[in-house]
Protein backbone atom coordinates (compact mmCIF):
# COMPACT_ATOMS: atom_id res chain seq x y z
CA UNK A 1 -5.39 5.10 6.52
CA UNK A 2 -6.93 3.63 3.40
CA UNK A 3 -8.42 0.21 2.69
CA UNK A 4 -7.68 -1.04 -0.81
CA UNK A 5 -8.60 -4.32 -2.67
CA UNK A 6 -6.29 -5.81 -5.53
CA UNK A 7 -2.74 -4.72 -4.47
CA UNK A 8 -1.63 -8.15 -4.06
CA UNK A 9 -1.14 -9.76 -7.45
CA UNK A 10 -1.34 -13.47 -6.01
CA UNK A 11 -4.47 -12.60 -4.09
CA UNK A 12 -6.45 -9.81 -6.01
CA UNK A 13 -9.66 -10.10 -3.78
CA UNK A 14 -7.62 -9.44 -0.74
CA UNK A 15 -7.79 -6.01 1.04
CA UNK A 16 -4.54 -4.25 2.12
CA UNK A 17 -4.62 -1.63 4.77
CA UNK A 18 -2.27 1.42 4.35
CA UNK A 19 -1.51 3.51 7.29
CA UNK A 20 0.57 6.69 7.35
CA UNK A 21 2.08 8.17 10.31
CA UNK A 22 3.95 11.26 11.81
CA UNK A 23 7.33 9.38 11.61
CA UNK A 24 7.03 9.51 7.73
CA UNK A 25 6.41 5.88 7.36
CA UNK A 26 3.62 4.23 5.35
CA UNK A 27 2.91 0.65 6.20
CA UNK A 28 1.18 -1.79 4.02
CA UNK A 29 -0.85 -4.48 6.05
CA UNK A 30 -2.07 -7.61 4.73
CA UNK A 31 -5.67 -8.65 6.06
CA UNK A 32 -6.07 -12.35 6.30
CA UNK A 33 -9.82 -12.69 6.46
CA UNK A 34 -9.72 -16.62 6.03
CA UNK A 35 -8.72 -16.96 9.66
CA UNK A 36 -10.97 -15.84 12.53
CA UNK A 37 -9.37 -13.23 14.93
CA UNK A 38 -6.47 -12.81 12.41
CA UNK A 39 -3.77 -10.11 13.18
CA UNK A 40 -2.72 -7.94 10.21
CA UNK A 41 0.64 -8.75 8.95
CA UNK A 42 2.98 -5.95 7.81
CA UNK A 43 4.05 -6.44 4.06
CA UNK A 44 5.78 -3.26 3.32
CA UNK A 45 7.32 -0.12 4.96
CA UNK A 46 7.95 2.86 2.74
CA UNK A 47 9.99 5.87 4.26
CA UNK A 48 8.80 9.16 3.29
CA UNK A 49 11.10 11.31 5.48
CA UNK A 50 8.40 13.89 6.32
CA UNK A 51 5.23 13.20 8.39
CA UNK A 52 2.46 11.67 6.18
CA UNK A 53 -0.82 13.52 6.31
CA UNK A 54 -2.89 12.09 3.58
CA UNK A 55 -2.56 9.11 1.06
CA UNK A 56 -4.41 7.94 -2.12
CA UNK A 57 -3.94 4.97 -4.47
CA UNK A 58 -4.58 4.68 -8.09
CA UNK A 59 -3.65 1.45 -9.79
CA UNK A 60 -0.12 0.37 -8.52
CA UNK A 61 0.82 3.91 -7.28
CA UNK A 62 0.63 5.45 -3.91
CA UNK A 63 0.51 9.15 -3.41
CA UNK A 64 1.47 10.46 -0.03
CA UNK A 65 0.72 14.18 1.05
CA UNK A 66 3.46 15.22 3.44
CA UNK A 67 3.97 18.02 6.15
CA UNK A 68 5.92 20.83 4.18
CA UNK A 69 3.93 20.46 1.09
CA UNK A 70 5.45 17.74 -0.96
CA UNK A 71 3.85 14.80 -2.73
CA UNK A 72 5.62 11.46 -2.81
CA UNK A 73 4.56 8.95 -5.47
CA UNK A 74 5.45 5.36 -4.90
CA UNK A 75 5.36 2.33 -7.19
CA UNK A 76 3.80 -0.28 -4.98
CA UNK A 77 4.72 -3.23 -7.25
CA UNK A 78 8.41 -2.34 -6.59
CA UNK A 79 8.14 -0.34 -3.24
CA UNK A 80 10.27 2.16 -4.99
CA UNK A 81 9.93 6.07 -4.78
CA UNK A 82 9.03 7.20 -8.29
CA UNK A 83 8.80 10.98 -7.84
CA UNK A 84 8.75 13.58 -5.30
CA UNK A 85 6.90 16.97 -6.14
CA UNK A 86 7.04 19.99 -3.97
CA UNK A 87 3.96 21.79 -5.26
CA UNK A 88 2.76 23.50 -1.89
CA UNK A 89 3.99 25.85 0.96
CA UNK A 90 1.45 24.35 3.41
CA UNK A 91 1.08 20.87 4.61
CA UNK A 92 -0.82 18.43 2.21
CA UNK A 93 -3.95 17.55 4.27
CA UNK A 94 -5.98 16.04 1.15
CA UNK A 95 -4.75 14.19 -1.82
CA UNK A 96 -6.99 12.59 -4.48
CA UNK A 97 -6.28 11.20 -7.90
CA UNK A 98 -8.74 11.94 -10.73
CA UNK A 99 -7.89 10.20 -14.21
CA UNK A 100 -4.32 10.21 -13.37
CA UNK A 101 -4.26 13.97 -12.21
CA UNK A 102 -3.36 14.72 -8.71
CA UNK A 103 -5.56 17.14 -6.78
CA UNK A 104 -4.11 18.41 -3.57
CA UNK A 105 -5.27 20.73 -0.74
CA UNK A 106 -2.89 22.27 1.72
CA UNK A 107 -3.17 23.77 5.22
CA UNK A 108 -3.13 27.31 3.76
CA UNK A 109 -6.45 26.53 1.97
CA UNK A 110 -4.88 26.34 -1.59
CA UNK A 111 -5.88 23.54 -3.84
CA UNK A 112 -3.66 22.55 -6.67
CA UNK A 113 -4.10 20.36 -9.77
CA UNK A 114 -1.03 18.83 -11.39
CA UNK A 115 -0.34 15.81 -13.52
CA UNK A 116 1.27 13.03 -11.77
């Protein structure tokens, strides 16, 4: 789960909640803070195929660490899968993006750094 501000172009100050799940789906939820007791509304659903174990966002790109060791990169503006990188043999439990470079840690204790 990740809370990000600025993903909605028409409302750059609004927060968006991103949730990943064991069914491989990442959902983006709009949080309308203008209303009391507002319920989050789903604005996108991205199917990864494998269980989502970790997520990171940089700019308009979403990085999903998956069971089985793949890293999916999504364009959040178009909701399109940009790239799938199979860089690990263990499940990707941690993903971070530092200056455009993906840093991933897997269930085998291996950390790899690679350009995204």
